[in-house]
Amino acid sequence: MGNPHVVVTVDKLTDEVVEQLGPKLESHSRFPQRVNVGFMQIMSRSEIKLRVYERGAGETLACGTGTCAAVVAGILQGKLDHEVKATLLGGELSIRWEGGESPVMMTGPAESVFEGVIEL
């Protein structure tokens, strides 16, 4: 994906799991430059729920590379089909990967969630 991700499959996606395990895994010694942590609940072979704890930022509403990483991990483990709908706090994404060297394709909306001004 271009940046480091670890994906944890959970039976139930809860605030407690994300808040307690997210910071611990993000800064675990196995990841000296820290890592993005995805928590994936598999709803079916074609649908997941995902929450992402991003390195240096904490939990975010959505993460495209994290969603791609989670789906690829699920496909490689034989748990997901080649096209998956992912539901995140910020909305839904559709991820498709045929395996091997084929590209991971992501489809979904892009929305502005913040606007600000910085004085230099």
PDB file of N, CA and C in Angstrom:
ATOM      1  N   MET A   1       0.809  -1.196   0.000  1.00  0.00           N
ATOM      2  CA  MET A   1       0.000   0.000   0.000  1.00  0.00           C
ATOM      3  C   MET A   1       0.853   1.261   0.000  1.00  0.00           C
ATOM      4  N   GLY A   2       2.134   1.107   0.245  1.00  0.00           N
ATOM      5  CA  GLY A   2       3.006   2.266   0.263  1.00  0.00           C
ATOM      6  C   GLY A   2       3.313   2.776   1.657  1.00  0.00           C
ATOM      7  N   ASN A   3       2.513   2.406   2.621  1.00  0.00           N
ATOM      8  CA  ASN A   3       2.782   2.741   4.014  1.00  0.00           C
ATOM      9  C   ASN A   3       2.443   1.513   4.870  1.00  0.00           C
ATOM     10  N   PRO A   4       3.033   1.398   6.057  1.00  0.00           N
ATOM     11  CA  PRO A   4       2.892   0.162   6.825  1.00  0.00           C
ATOM     12  C   PRO A   4       1.528   0.025   7.514  1.00  0.00           C
ATOM     13  N   HIS A   5       0.978  -1.182   7.423  1.00  0.00           N
ATOM     14  CA  HIS A   5      -0.310  -1.493   8.047  1.00  0.00           C
ATOM     15  C   HIS A   5      -0.226  -2.846   8.741  1.00  0.00           C
ATOM     16  N   VAL A   6      -0.912  -2.953   9.858  1.00  0.00           N
ATOM     17  CA  VAL A   6      -1.163  -4.243  10.487  1.00  0.00           C
ATOM     18  C   VAL A   6      -2.679  -4.363  10.584  1.00  0.00           C
ATOM     19  N   VAL A   7      -3.196  -5.558  10.298  1.00  0.00           N
ATOM     20  CA  VAL A   7      -4.639  -5.776  10.315  1.00  0.00           C
ATOM     21  C   VAL A   7      -4.968  -6.817  11.374  1.00  0.00           C
ATOM     22  N   VAL A   8      -5.875  -6.462  12.269  1.00  0.00           N
ATOM     23  CA  VAL A   8      -6.316  -7.357  13.329  1.00  0.00           C
ATOM     24  C   VAL A   8      -7.773  -7.707  13.060  1.00  0.00           C
ATOM     25  N   THR A   9      -8.066  -8.997  12.916  1.00  0.00           N
ATOM     26  CA  THR A   9      -9.442  -9.436  12.747  1.00  0.00           C
ATOM     27  C   THR A   9     -10.052  -9.644  14.125  1.00  0.00           C
ATOM     28  N   VAL A  10     -11.208  -9.024  14.338  1.00  0.00           N
ATOM     29  CA  VAL A  10     -11.885  -9.114  15.634  1.00  0.00           C
ATOM     30  C   VAL A  10     -13.281  -9.701  15.436  1.00  0.00           C
ATOM     31  N   ASP A  11     -13.783 -10.348  16.486  1.00  0.00           N
ATOM     32  CA  ASP A  11     -15.141 -10.891  16.433  1.00  0.00           C
ATOM     33  C   ASP A  11     -16.182  -9.784  16.481  1.00  0.00           C
ATOM     34  N   LYS A  12     -15.890  -8.744  17.290  1.00  0.00           N
ATOM     35  CA  LYS A  12     -16.814  -7.615  17.436  1.00  0.00           C
ATOM     36  C   LYS A  12     -15.993  -6.335  17.513  1.00  0.00           C
ATOM     37  N   LEU A  13     -16.324  -5.402  16.673  1.00  0.00           N
ATOM     38  CA  LEU A  13     -15.615  -4.126  16.586  1.00  0.00           C
ATOM     39  C   LEU A  13     -16.177  -3.172  17.636  1.00  0.00           C
ATOM     40  N   THR A  14     -15.387  -2.883  18.675  1.00  0.00           N
ATOM     41  CA  THR A  14     -15.862  -2.038  19.762  1.00  0.00           C
ATOM     42  C   THR A  14     -14.897  -0.873  20.003  1.00  0.00           C
ATOM     43  N   ASP A  15     -15.408   0.166  20.667  1.00  0.00           N
ATOM     44  CA  ASP A  15     -14.560   1.287  21.061  1.00  0.00           C
ATOM     45  C   ASP A  15     -13.404   0.794  21.918  1.00  0.00           C
ATOM     46  N   GLU A  16     -13.692  -0.115  22.830  1.00  0.00           N
ATOM     47  CA  GLU A  16     -12.683  -0.631  23.757  1.00  0.00           C
ATOM     48  C   GLU A  16     -11.501  -1.261  23.015  1.00  0.00           C
ATOM     49  N   VAL A  17     -11.795  -2.067  22.005  1.00  0.00           N
ATOM     50  CA  VAL A  17     -10.735  -2.727  21.234  1.00  0.00           C
ATOM     51  C   VAL A  17      -9.844  -1.681  20.567  1.00  0.00           C
ATOM     52  N   VAL A  18     -10.463  -0.718  19.898  1.00  0.00           N
ATOM     53  CA  VAL A  18      -9.701   0.301  19.167  1.00  0.00           C
ATOM     54  C   VAL A  18      -8.903   1.182  20.128  1.00  0.00           C
ATOM     55  N   GLU A  19      -9.549   1.637  21.182  1.00  0.00           N
ATOM     56  CA  GLU A  19      -8.902   2.570  22.119  1.00  0.00           C
ATOM     57  C   GLU A  19      -7.787   1.923  22.937  1.00  0.00           C
ATOM     58  N   GLN A  20      -7.947   0.635  23.267  1.00  0.00           N
ATOM     59  CA  GLN A  20      -6.921  -0.025  24.076  1.00  0.00           C
ATOM     60  C   GLN A  20      -5.793  -0.614  23.231  1.00  0.00           C
ATOM     61  N   LEU A  21      -6.140  -1.291  22.147  1.00  0.00           N
ATOM     62  CA  LEU A  21      -5.111  -1.947  21.337  1.00  0.00           C
ATOM     63  C   LEU A  21      -4.466  -1.027  20.305  1.00  0.00           C
ATOM     64  N   GLY A  22      -5.202  -0.042  19.803  1.00  0.00           N
ATOM     65  CA  GLY A  22      -4.673   0.855  18.774  1.00  0.00           C
ATOM     66  C   GLY A  22      -3.346   1.487  19.140  1.00  0.00           C
ATOM     67  N   PRO A  23      -3.276   2.220  20.252  1.00  0.00           N
ATOM     68  CA  PRO A  23      -2.008   2.878  20.613  1.00  0.00           C
ATOM     69  C   PRO A  23      -0.884   1.884  20.920  1.00  0.00           C
ATOM     70  N   LYS A  24      -1.238   0.746  21.499  1.00  0.00           N
ATOM     71  CA  LYS A  24      -0.212  -0.248  21.840  1.00  0.00           C
ATOM     72  C   LYS A  24       0.410  -0.855  20.588  1.00  0.00           C
ATOM     73  N   LEU A  25      -0.425  -1.201  19.621  1.00  0.00           N
ATOM     74  CA  LEU A  25       0.100  -1.799  18.391  1.00  0.00           C
ATOM     75  C   LEU A  25       0.802  -0.763  17.520  1.00  0.00           C
ATOM     76  N   GLU A  26       0.256   0.445  17.457  1.00  0.00           N
ATOM     77  CA  GLU A  26       0.859   1.506  16.632  1.00  0.00           C
ATOM     78  C   GLU A  26       2.318   1.731  17.007  1.00  0.00           C
ATOM     79  N   SER A  27       2.626   1.662  18.293  1.00  0.00           N
ATOM     80  CA  SER A  27       3.988   1.961  18.750  1.00  0.00           C
ATOM     81  C   SER A  27       4.725   0.727  19.275  1.00  0.00           C
ATOM     82  N   HIS A  28       4.274  -0.459  18.894  1.00  0.00           N
ATOM     83  CA  HIS A  28       4.923  -1.699  19.334  1.00  0.00           C
ATOM     84  C   HIS A  28       6.355  -1.768  18.790  1.00  0.00           C
ATOM     85  N   SER A  29       7.223  -2.401  19.543  1.00  0.00           N
ATOM     86  CA  SER A  29       8.645  -2.483  19.156  1.00  0.00           C
ATOM     87  C   SER A  29       8.869  -3.196  17.821  1.00  0.00           C
ATOM     88  N   ARG A  30       7.919  -4.018  17.379  1.00  0.00           N
ATOM     89  CA  ARG A  30       8.040  -4.674  16.063  1.00  0.00           C
ATOM     90  C   ARG A  30       7.938  -3.669  14.921  1.00  0.00           C
ATOM     91  N   PHE A  31       7.445  -2.477  15.227  1.00  0.00           N
ATOM     92  CA  PHE A  31       7.244  -1.439  14.219  1.00  0.00           C
ATOM     93  C   PHE A  31       8.014  -0.190  14.642  1.00  0.00           C
ATOM     94  N   PRO A  32       9.329  -0.152  14.426  1.00  0.00           N
ATOM     95  CA  PRO A  32      10.145   0.966  14.918  1.00  0.00           C
ATOM     96  C   PRO A  32       9.744   2.326  14.347  1.00  0.00           C
ATOM     97  N   GLN A  33       9.120   2.357  13.181  1.00  0.00           N
ATOM     98  CA  GLN A  33       8.665   3.628  12.604  1.00  0.00           C
ATOM     99  C   GLN A  33       7.159   3.806  12.803  1.00  0.00           C
ATOM    100  N   ARG A  34       6.598   3.014  13.664  1.00  0.00           N
ATOM    101  CA  ARG A  34       5.169   2.951  13.958  1.00  0.00           C
ATOM    102  C   ARG A  34       4.374   2.407  12.766  1.00  0.00           C
ATOM    103  N   VAL A  35       3.096   2.114  12.995  1.00  0.00           N
ATOM    104  CA  VAL A  35       2.297   1.444  11.979  1.00  0.00           C
ATOM    105  C   VAL A  35       0.837   1.871  12.098  1.00  0.00           C
ATOM    106  N   ASN A  36       0.136   1.843  10.978  1.00  0.00           N
ATOM    107  CA  ASN A  36      -1.311   2.045  10.977  1.00  0.00           C
ATOM    108  C   ASN A  36      -1.954   0.715  11.376  1.00  0.00           C
ATOM    109  N   VAL A  37      -2.953   0.779  12.246  1.00  0.00           N
ATOM    110  CA  VAL A  37      -3.585  -0.432  12.758  1.00  0.00           C
ATOM    111  C   VAL A  37      -5.040  -0.473  12.301  1.00  0.00           C
ATOM    112  N   GLY A  38      -5.391  -1.520  11.559  1.00  0.00           N
ATOM    113  CA  GLY A  38      -6.769  -1.708  11.123  1.00  0.00           C
ATOM    114  C   GLY A  38      -7.428  -2.805  11.935  1.00  0.00           C
ATOM    115  N   PHE A  39      -8.639  -2.534  12.422  1.00  0.00           N
ATOM    116  CA  PHE A  39      -9.429  -3.526  13.149  1.00  0.00           C
ATOM    117  C   PHE A  39     -10.599  -3.910  12.261  1.00  0.00           C
ATOM    118  N   MET A  40     -10.609  -5.169  11.812  1.00  0.00           N
ATOM    119  CA  MET A  40     -11.582  -5.624  10.822  1.00  0.00           C
ATOM    120  C   MET A  40     -12.520  -6.660  11.421  1.00  0.00           C
ATOM    121  N   GLN A  41     -13.824  -6.393  11.279  1.00  0.00           N
ATOM    122  CA  GLN A  41     -14.842  -7.378  11.620  1.00  0.00           C
ATOM    123  C   GLN A  41     -15.423  -7.885  10.309  1.00  0.00           C
ATOM    124  N   ILE A  42     -15.325  -9.174  10.073  1.00  0.00           N
ATOM    125  CA  ILE A  42     -15.843  -9.761   8.833  1.00  0.00           C
ATOM    126  C   ILE A  42     -17.320 -10.073   9.022  1.00  0.00           C
ATOM    127  N   MET A  43     -18.156  -9.413   8.227  1.00  0.00           N
ATOM    128  CA  MET A  43     -19.600  -9.611   8.290  1.00  0.00           C
ATOM    129  C   MET A  43     -20.033 -10.756   7.373  1.00  0.00           C
ATOM    130  N   SER A  44     -19.370 -10.863   6.224  1.00  0.00           N
ATOM    131  CA  SER A  44     -19.605 -11.941   5.257  1.00  0.00           C
ATOM    132  C   SER A  44     -18.381 -11.951   4.338  1.00  0.00           C
ATOM    133  N   ARG A  45     -18.366 -12.827   3.367  1.00  0.00           N
ATOM    134  CA  ARG A  45     -17.230 -12.890   2.444  1.00  0.00           C
ATOM    135  C   ARG A  45     -17.124 -11.635   1.574  1.00  0.00           C
ATOM    136  N   SER A  46     -18.196 -10.849   1.531  1.00  0.00           N
ATOM    137  CA  SER A  46     -18.190  -9.654   0.679  1.00  0.00           C
ATOM    138  C   SER A  46     -18.421  -8.358   1.453  1.00  0.00           C
ATOM    139  N   GLU A  47     -18.337  -8.412   2.788  1.00  0.00           N
ATOM    140  CA  GLU A  47     -18.586  -7.200   3.567  1.00  0.00           C
ATOM    141  C   GLU A  47     -17.811  -7.223   4.881  1.00  0.00           C
ATOM    142  N   ILE A  48     -17.166  -6.073   5.175  1.00  0.00           N
ATOM    143  CA  ILE A  48     -16.454  -5.925   6.442  1.00  0.00           C
ATOM    144  C   ILE A  48     -16.834  -4.600   7.097  1.00  0.00           C
ATOM    145  N   LYS A  49     -16.592  -4.537   8.391  1.00  0.00           N
ATOM    146  CA  LYS A  49     -16.593  -3.268   9.111  1.00  0.00           C
ATOM    147  C   LYS A  49     -15.142  -3.036   9.501  1.00  0.00           C
ATOM    148  N   LEU A  50     -14.706  -1.782   9.427  1.00  0.00           N
ATOM    149  CA  LEU A  50     -13.301  -1.481   9.686  1.00  0.00           C
ATOM    150  C   LEU A  50     -13.171  -0.173  10.442  1.00  0.00           C
ATOM    151  N   ARG A  51     -12.269  -0.178  11.408  1.00  0.00           N
ATOM    152  CA  ARG A  51     -11.855   1.055  12.080  1.00  0.00           C
ATOM    153  C   ARG A  51     -10.345   1.089  12.042  1.00  0.00           C
ATOM    154  N   VAL A  52      -9.790   2.287  11.824  1.00  0.00           N
ATOM    155  CA  VAL A  52      -8.344   2.417  11.638  1.00  0.00           C
ATOM    156  C   VAL A  52      -7.765   3.405  12.643  1.00  0.00           C
ATOM    157  N   TYR A  53      -6.704   2.958  13.312  1.00  0.00           N
ATOM    158  CA  TYR A  53      -5.929   3.798  14.217  1.00  0.00           C
ATOM    159  C   TYR A  53      -4.654   4.136  13.469  1.00  0.00           C
ATOM    160  N   GLU A  54      -4.547   5.379  12.982  1.00  0.00           N
ATOM    161  CA  GLU A  54      -3.417   5.761  12.129  1.00  0.00           C
ATOM    162  C   GLU A  54      -2.235   6.250  12.947  1.00  0.00           C
ATOM    163  N   ARG A  55      -1.052   5.872  12.501  1.00  0.00           N
ATOM    164  CA  ARG A  55       0.157   6.275  13.224  1.00  0.00           C
ATOM    165  C   ARG A  55       0.261   7.797  13.255  1.00  0.00           C
ATOM    166  N   GLY A  56       0.490   8.294  14.446  1.00  0.00           N
ATOM    167  CA  GLY A  56       0.655   9.730  14.625  1.00  0.00           C
ATOM    168  C   GLY A  56      -0.625  10.535  14.657  1.00  0.00           C
ATOM    169  N   ALA A  57      -1.768   9.903  14.394  1.00  0.00           N
ATOM    170  CA  ALA A  57      -3.026  10.654  14.329  1.00  0.00           C
ATOM    171  C   ALA A  57      -4.114  10.101  15.245  1.00  0.00           C
ATOM    172  N   GLY A  58      -4.041   8.831  15.574  1.00  0.00           N
ATOM    173  CA  GLY A  58      -5.123   8.193  16.327  1.00  0.00           C
ATOM    174  C   GLY A  58      -6.193   7.688  15.385  1.00  0.00           C
ATOM    175  N   GLU A  59      -7.360   7.400  15.939  1.00  0.00           N
ATOM    176  CA  GLU A  59      -8.428   6.863  15.099  1.00  0.00           C
ATOM    177  C   GLU A  59      -8.931   7.923  14.134  1.00  0.00           C
ATOM    178  N   THR A  60      -9.164   7.520  12.893  1.00  0.00           N
ATOM    179  CA  THR A  60      -9.659   8.429  11.859  1.00  0.00           C
ATOM    180  C   THR A  60     -11.003   7.927  11.341  1.00  0.00           C
ATOM    181  N   LEU A  61     -11.720   8.798  10.652  1.00  0.00           N
ATOM    182  CA  LEU A  61     -13.034   8.431  10.125  1.00  0.00           C
ATOM    183  C   LEU A  61     -12.946   7.421   8.988  1.00  0.00           C
ATOM    184  N   ALA A  62     -11.859   7.480   8.228  1.00  0.00           N
ATOM    185  CA  ALA A  62     -11.679   6.575   7.099  1.00  0.00           C
ATOM    186  C   ALA A  62     -10.199   6.538   6.731  1.00  0.00           C
ATOM    187  N   CYS A  63      -9.802   5.481   6.060  1.00  0.00           N
ATOM    188  CA  CYS A  63      -8.417   5.344   5.612  1.00  0.00           C
ATOM    189  C   CYS A  63      -8.417   4.444   4.384  1.00  0.00           C
ATOM    190  N   GLY A  64      -8.162   5.045   3.229  1.00  0.00           N
ATOM    191  CA  GLY A  64      -8.191   4.275   1.984  1.00  0.00           C
ATOM    192  C   GLY A  64      -7.152   3.181   1.932  1.00  0.00           C
ATOM    193  N   THR A  65      -5.899   3.510   2.266  1.00  0.00           N
ATOM    194  CA  THR A  65      -4.858   2.474   2.214  1.00  0.00           C
ATOM    195  C   THR A  65      -5.100   1.416   3.295  1.00  0.00           C
ATOM    196  N   GLY A  66      -5.636   1.831   4.439  1.00  0.00           N
ATOM    197  CA  GLY A  66      -5.945   0.867   5.494  1.00  0.00           C
ATOM    198  C   GLY A  66      -7.050  -0.091   5.083  1.00  0.00           C
ATOM    199  N   THR A  67      -8.035   0.431   4.373  1.00  0.00           N
ATOM    200  CA  THR A  67      -9.129  -0.415   3.897  1.00  0.00           C
ATOM    201  C   THR A  67      -8.615  -1.392   2.843  1.00  0.00           C
ATOM    202  N   CYS A  68      -7.778  -0.904   1.937  1.00  0.00           N
ATOM    203  CA  CYS A  68      -7.181  -1.790   0.931  1.00  0.00           C
ATOM    204  C   CYS A  68      -6.346  -2.878   1.604  1.00  0.00           C
ATOM    205  N   ALA A  69      -5.546  -2.496   2.596  1.00  0.00           N
ATOM    206  CA  ALA A  69      -4.706  -3.465   3.304  1.00  0.00           C
ATOM    207  C   ALA A  69      -5.554  -4.523   3.995  1.00  0.00           C
ATOM    208  N   ALA A  70      -6.648  -4.108   4.636  1.00  0.00           N
ATOM    209  CA  ALA A  70      -7.512  -5.059   5.337  1.00  0.00           C
ATOM    210  C   ALA A  70      -8.138  -6.054   4.372  1.00  0.00           C
ATOM    211  N   VAL A  71      -8.637  -5.556   3.252  1.00  0.00           N
ATOM    212  CA  VAL A  71      -9.282  -6.449   2.280  1.00  0.00           C
ATOM    213  C   VAL A  71      -8.264  -7.408   1.668  1.00  0.00           C
ATOM    214  N   VAL A  72      -7.097  -6.909   1.298  1.00  0.00           N
ATOM    215  CA  VAL A  72      -6.059  -7.792   0.748  1.00  0.00           C
ATOM    216  C   VAL A  72      -5.675  -8.858   1.775  1.00  0.00           C
ATOM    217  N   ALA A  73      -5.514  -8.466   3.028  1.00  0.00           N
ATOM    218  CA  ALA A  73      -5.184  -9.439   4.074  1.00  0.00           C
ATOM    219  C   ALA A  73      -6.278 -10.502   4.186  1.00  0.00           C
ATOM    220  N   GLY A  74      -7.528 -10.066   4.156  1.00  0.00           N
ATOM    221  CA  GLY A  74      -8.642 -11.018   4.237  1.00  0.00           C
ATOM    222  C   GLY A  74      -8.703 -11.951   3.041  1.00  0.00           C
ATOM    223  N   ILE A  75      -8.406 -11.441   1.854  1.00  0.00           N
ATOM    224  CA  ILE A  75      -8.381 -12.289   0.649  1.00  0.00           C
ATOM    225  C   ILE A  75      -7.241 -13.297   0.752  1.00  0.00           C
ATOM    226  N   LEU A  76      -6.058 -12.826   1.147  1.00  0.00           N
ATOM    227  CA  LEU A  76      -4.902 -13.735   1.266  1.00  0.00           C
ATOM    228  C   LEU A  76      -5.134 -14.828   2.297  1.00  0.00           C
ATOM    229  N   GLN A  77      -5.933 -14.542   3.316  1.00  0.00           N
ATOM    230  CA  GLN A  77      -6.258 -15.539   4.338  1.00  0.00           C
ATOM    231  C   GLN A  77      -7.422 -16.443   3.926  1.00  0.00           C
ATOM    232  N   GLY A  78      -7.998 -16.186   2.736  1.00  0.00           N
ATOM    233  CA  GLY A  78      -9.104 -17.001   2.257  1.00  0.00           C
ATOM    234  C   GLY A  78     -10.434 -16.687   2.924  1.00  0.00           C
ATOM    235  N   LYS A  79     -10.542 -15.523   3.571  1.00  0.00           N
ATOM    236  CA  LYS A  79     -11.755 -15.170   4.308  1.00  0.00           C
ATOM    237  C   LYS A  79     -12.686 -14.240   3.536  1.00  0.00           C
ATOM    238  N   LEU A  80     -12.164 -13.582   2.482  1.00  0.00           N
ATOM    239  CA  LEU A  80     -12.956 -12.608   1.732  1.00  0.00           C
ATOM    240  C   LEU A  80     -12.923 -12.909   0.240  1.00  0.00           C
ATOM    241  N   ASP A  81     -13.977 -12.472  -0.444  1.00  0.00           N
ATOM    242  CA  ASP A  81     -14.040 -12.563  -1.896  1.00  0.00           C
ATOM    243  C   ASP A  81     -13.184 -11.448  -2.513  1.00  0.00           C
ATOM    244  N   HIS A  82     -13.117 -11.426  -3.838  1.00  0.00           N
ATOM    245  CA  HIS A  82     -12.276 -10.458  -4.537  1.00  0.00           C
ATOM    246  C   HIS A  82     -12.872  -9.057  -4.595  1.00  0.00           C
ATOM    247  N   GLU A  83     -14.141  -8.916  -4.268  1.00  0.00           N
ATOM    248  CA  GLU A  83     -14.766  -7.596  -4.193  1.00  0.00           C
ATOM    249  C   GLU A  83     -15.497  -7.489  -2.862  1.00  0.00           C
ATOM    250  N   VAL A  84     -15.185  -6.434  -2.109  1.00  0.00           N
ATOM    251  CA  VAL A  84     -15.679  -6.309  -0.738  1.00  0.00           C
ATOM    252  C   VAL A  84     -16.180  -4.890  -0.490  1.00  0.00           C
ATOM    253  N   LYS A  85     -17.316  -4.795   0.203  1.00  0.00           N
ATOM    254  CA  LYS A  85     -17.823  -3.511   0.676  1.00  0.00           C
ATOM    255  C   LYS A  85     -17.313  -3.325   2.102  1.00  0.00           C
ATOM    256  N   ALA A  86     -16.667  -2.192   2.353  1.00  0.00           N
ATOM    257  CA  ALA A  86     -16.138  -1.878   3.674  1.00  0.00           C
ATOM    258  C   ALA A  86     -16.898  -0.695   4.262  1.00  0.00           C
ATOM    259  N   THR A  87     -17.368  -0.855   5.484  1.00  0.00           N
ATOM    260  CA  THR A  87     -18.042   0.228   6.184  1.00  0.00           C
ATOM    261  C   THR A  87     -17.122   0.761   7.266  1.00  0.00           C
ATOM    262  N   LEU A  88     -16.814   2.059   7.168  1.00  0.00           N
ATOM    263  CA  LEU A  88     -15.976   2.744   8.143  1.00  0.00           C
ATOM    264  C   LEU A  88     -16.818   3.810   8.837  1.00  0.00           C
ATOM    265  N   LEU A  89     -16.269   4.444   9.860  1.00  0.00           N
ATOM    266  CA  LEU A  89     -17.011   5.493  10.564  1.00  0.00           C
ATOM    267  C   LEU A  89     -17.432   6.610   9.617  1.00  0.00           C
ATOM    268  N   GLY A  90     -16.613   6.901   8.610  1.00  0.00           N
ATOM    269  CA  GLY A  90     -16.882   7.997   7.690  1.00  0.00           C
ATOM    270  C   GLY A  90     -17.666   7.629   6.447  1.00  0.00           C
ATOM    271  N   GLY A  91     -18.017   6.366   6.280  1.00  0.00           N
ATOM    272  CA  GLY A  91     -18.777   5.972   5.099  1.00  0.00           C
ATOM    273  C   GLY A  91     -18.346   4.626   4.555  1.00  0.00           C
ATOM    274  N   GLU A  92     -18.723   4.368   3.307  1.00  0.00           N
ATOM    275  CA  GLU A  92     -18.464   3.070   2.684  1.00  0.00           C
ATOM    276  C   GLU A  92     -17.472   3.184   1.531  1.00  0.00           C
ATOM    277  N   LEU A  93     -16.660   2.146   1.387  1.00  0.00           N
ATOM    278  CA  LEU A  93     -15.746   2.015   0.260  1.00  0.00           C
ATOM    279  C   LEU A  93     -15.938   0.636  -0.364  1.00  0.00           C
ATOM    280  N   SER A  94     -15.692   0.548  -1.642  1.00  0.00           N
ATOM    281  CA  SER A  94     -15.699  -0.729  -2.342  1.00  0.00           C
ATOM    282  C   SER A  94     -14.267  -1.027  -2.778  1.00  0.00           C
ATOM    283  N   ILE A  95     -13.776  -2.210  -2.408  1.00  0.00           N
ATOM    284  CA  ILE A  95     -12.403  -2.599  -2.735  1.00  0.00           C
ATOM    285  C   ILE A  95     -12.453  -3.858  -3.591  1.00  0.00           C
ATOM    286  N   ARG A  96     -11.649  -3.861  -4.655  1.00  0.00           N
ATOM    287  CA  ARG A  96     -11.564  -5.030  -5.541  1.00  0.00           C
ATOM    288  C   ARG A  96     -10.099  -5.360  -5.763  1.00  0.00           C
ATOM    289  N   TRP A  97      -9.761  -6.648  -5.603  1.00  0.00           N
ATOM    290  CA  TRP A  97      -8.403  -7.117  -5.874  1.00  0.00           C
ATOM    291  C   TRP A  97      -8.475  -8.539  -6.414  1.00  0.00           C
ATOM    292  N   GLU A  98      -7.900  -8.742  -7.589  1.00  0.00           N
ATOM    293  CA  GLU A  98      -7.917 -10.052  -8.236  1.00  0.00           C
ATOM    294  C   GLU A  98      -6.752 -10.932  -7.793  1.00  0.00           C
ATOM    295  N   GLY A  99      -5.853 -10.379  -7.001  1.00  0.00           N
ATOM    296  CA  GLY A  99      -4.718 -11.154  -6.496  1.00  0.00           C
ATOM    297  C   GLY A  99      -3.462 -10.919  -7.315  1.00  0.00           C
ATOM    298  N   GLY A 100      -2.380 -11.528  -6.851  1.00  0.00           N
ATOM    299  CA  GLY A 100      -1.099 -11.429  -7.551  1.00  0.00           C
ATOM    300  C   GLY A 100      -0.630 -10.005  -7.725  1.00  0.00           C
ATOM    301  N   GLU A 101      -0.183  -9.698  -8.936  1.00  0.00           N
ATOM    302  CA  GLU A 101       0.348  -8.372  -9.246  1.00  0.00           C
ATOM    303  C   GLU A 101      -0.728  -7.387  -9.709  1.00  0.00           C
ATOM    304  N   SER A 102      -1.999  -7.807  -9.697  1.00  0.00           N
ATOM    305  CA  SER A 102      -3.057  -6.896 -10.154  1.00  0.00           C
ATOM    306  C   SER A 102      -3.218  -5.746  -9.154  1.00  0.00           C
ATOM    307  N   PRO A 103      -3.650  -4.588  -9.638  1.00  0.00           N
ATOM    308  CA  PRO A 103      -3.802  -3.433  -8.742  1.00  0.00           C
ATOM    309  C   PRO A 103      -4.985  -3.623  -7.795  1.00  0.00           C
ATOM    310  N   VAL A 104      -4.897  -2.976  -6.658  1.00  0.00           N
ATOM    311  CA  VAL A 104      -6.016  -2.926  -5.717  1.00  0.00           C
ATOM    312  C   VAL A 104      -6.836  -1.702  -6.107  1.00  0.00           C
ATOM    313  N   MET A 105      -8.108  -1.908  -6.379  1.00  0.00           N
ATOM    314  CA  MET A 105      -8.970  -0.824  -6.839  1.00  0.00           C
ATOM    315  C   MET A 105      -9.932  -0.419  -5.720  1.00  0.00           C
ATOM    316  N   MET A 106      -9.990   0.879  -5.446  1.00  0.00           N
ATOM    317  CA  MET A 106     -10.863   1.409  -4.409  1.00  0.00           C
ATOM    318  C   MET A 106     -11.835   2.398  -5.037  1.00  0.00           C
ATOM    319  N   THR A 107     -13.119   2.281  -4.673  1.00  0.00           N
ATOM    320  CA  THR A 107     -14.149   3.179  -5.152  1.00  0.00           C
ATOM    321  C   THR A 107     -14.926   3.697  -3.952  1.00  0.00           C
ATOM    322  N   GLY A 108     -15.165   4.997  -3.935  1.00  0.00           N
ATOM    323  CA  GLY A 108     -15.949   5.578  -2.847  1.00  0.00           C
ATOM    324  C   GLY A 108     -15.947   7.078  -2.945  1.00  0.00           C
ATOM    325  N   PRO A 109     -16.728   7.719  -2.090  1.00  0.00           N
ATOM    326  CA  PRO A 109     -16.837   9.174  -2.141  1.00  0.00           C
ATOM    327  C   PRO A 109     -15.642   9.866  -1.497  1.00  0.00           C
ATOM    328  N   ALA A 110     -15.415  11.089  -1.907  1.00  0.00           N
ATOM    329  CA  ALA A 110     -14.430  11.962  -1.257  1.00  0.00           C
ATOM    330  C   ALA A 110     -15.189  13.189  -0.775  1.00  0.00           C
ATOM    331  N   GLU A 111     -15.085  13.463   0.511  1.00  0.00           N
ATOM    332  CA  GLU A 111     -15.823  14.574   1.079  1.00  0.00           C
ATOM    333  C   GLU A 111     -14.928  15.419   1.960  1.00  0.00           C
ATOM    334  N   SER A 112     -15.140  16.722   1.932  1.00  0.00           N
ATOM    335  CA  SER A 112     -14.423  17.638   2.810  1.00  0.00           C
ATOM    336  C   SER A 112     -14.997  17.510   4.215  1.00  0.00           C
ATOM    337  N   VAL A 113     -14.130  17.325   5.209  1.00  0.00           N
ATOM    338  CA  VAL A 113     -14.593  17.185   6.593  1.00  0.00           C
ATOM    339  C   VAL A 113     -14.030  18.266   7.494  1.00  0.00           C
ATOM    340  N   PHE A 114     -13.119  19.089   6.964  1.00  0.00           N
ATOM    341  CA  PHE A 114     -12.515  20.125   7.786  1.00  0.00           C
ATOM    342  C   PHE A 114     -11.990  21.234   6.897  1.00  0.00           C
ATOM    343  N   GLU A 115     -12.044  22.448   7.404  1.00  0.00           N
ATOM    344  CA  GLU A 115     -11.497  23.594   6.704  1.00  0.00           C
ATOM    345  C   GLU A 115     -10.810  24.463   7.752  1.00  0.00           C
ATOM    346  N   GLY A 116      -9.650  25.003   7.411  1.00  0.00           N
ATOM    347  CA  GLY A 116      -8.925  25.808   8.378  1.00  0.00           C
ATOM    348  C   GLY A 116      -8.004  26.803   7.705  1.00  0.00           C
ATOM    349  N   VAL A 117      -7.426  27.662   8.538  1.00  0.00           N
ATOM    350  CA  VAL A 117      -6.492  28.675   8.070  1.00  0.00           C
ATOM    351  C   VAL A 117      -5.253  28.614   8.960  1.00  0.00           C
ATOM    352  N   ILE A 118      -4.075  28.693   8.346  1.00  0.00           N
ATOM    353  CA  ILE A 118      -2.828  28.701   9.083  1.00  0.00           C
ATOM    354  C   ILE A 118      -2.094  29.999   8.752  1.00  0.00           C
ATOM    355  N   GLU A 119      -1.694  30.711   9.772  1.00  0.00           N
ATOM    356  CA  GLU A 119      -0.891  31.911   9.565  1.00  0.00           C
ATOM    357  C   GLU A 119       0.571  31.534   9.728  1.00  0.00           C
ATOM    358  N   LEU A 120       1.399  31.860   8.741  1.00  0.00           N
ATOM    359  CA  LEU A 120       2.822  31.545   8.796  1.00  0.00           C
ATOM    360  C   LEU A 120       3.616  32.750   9.240  1.00  0.00           C
TER     361      LEU A 120
END
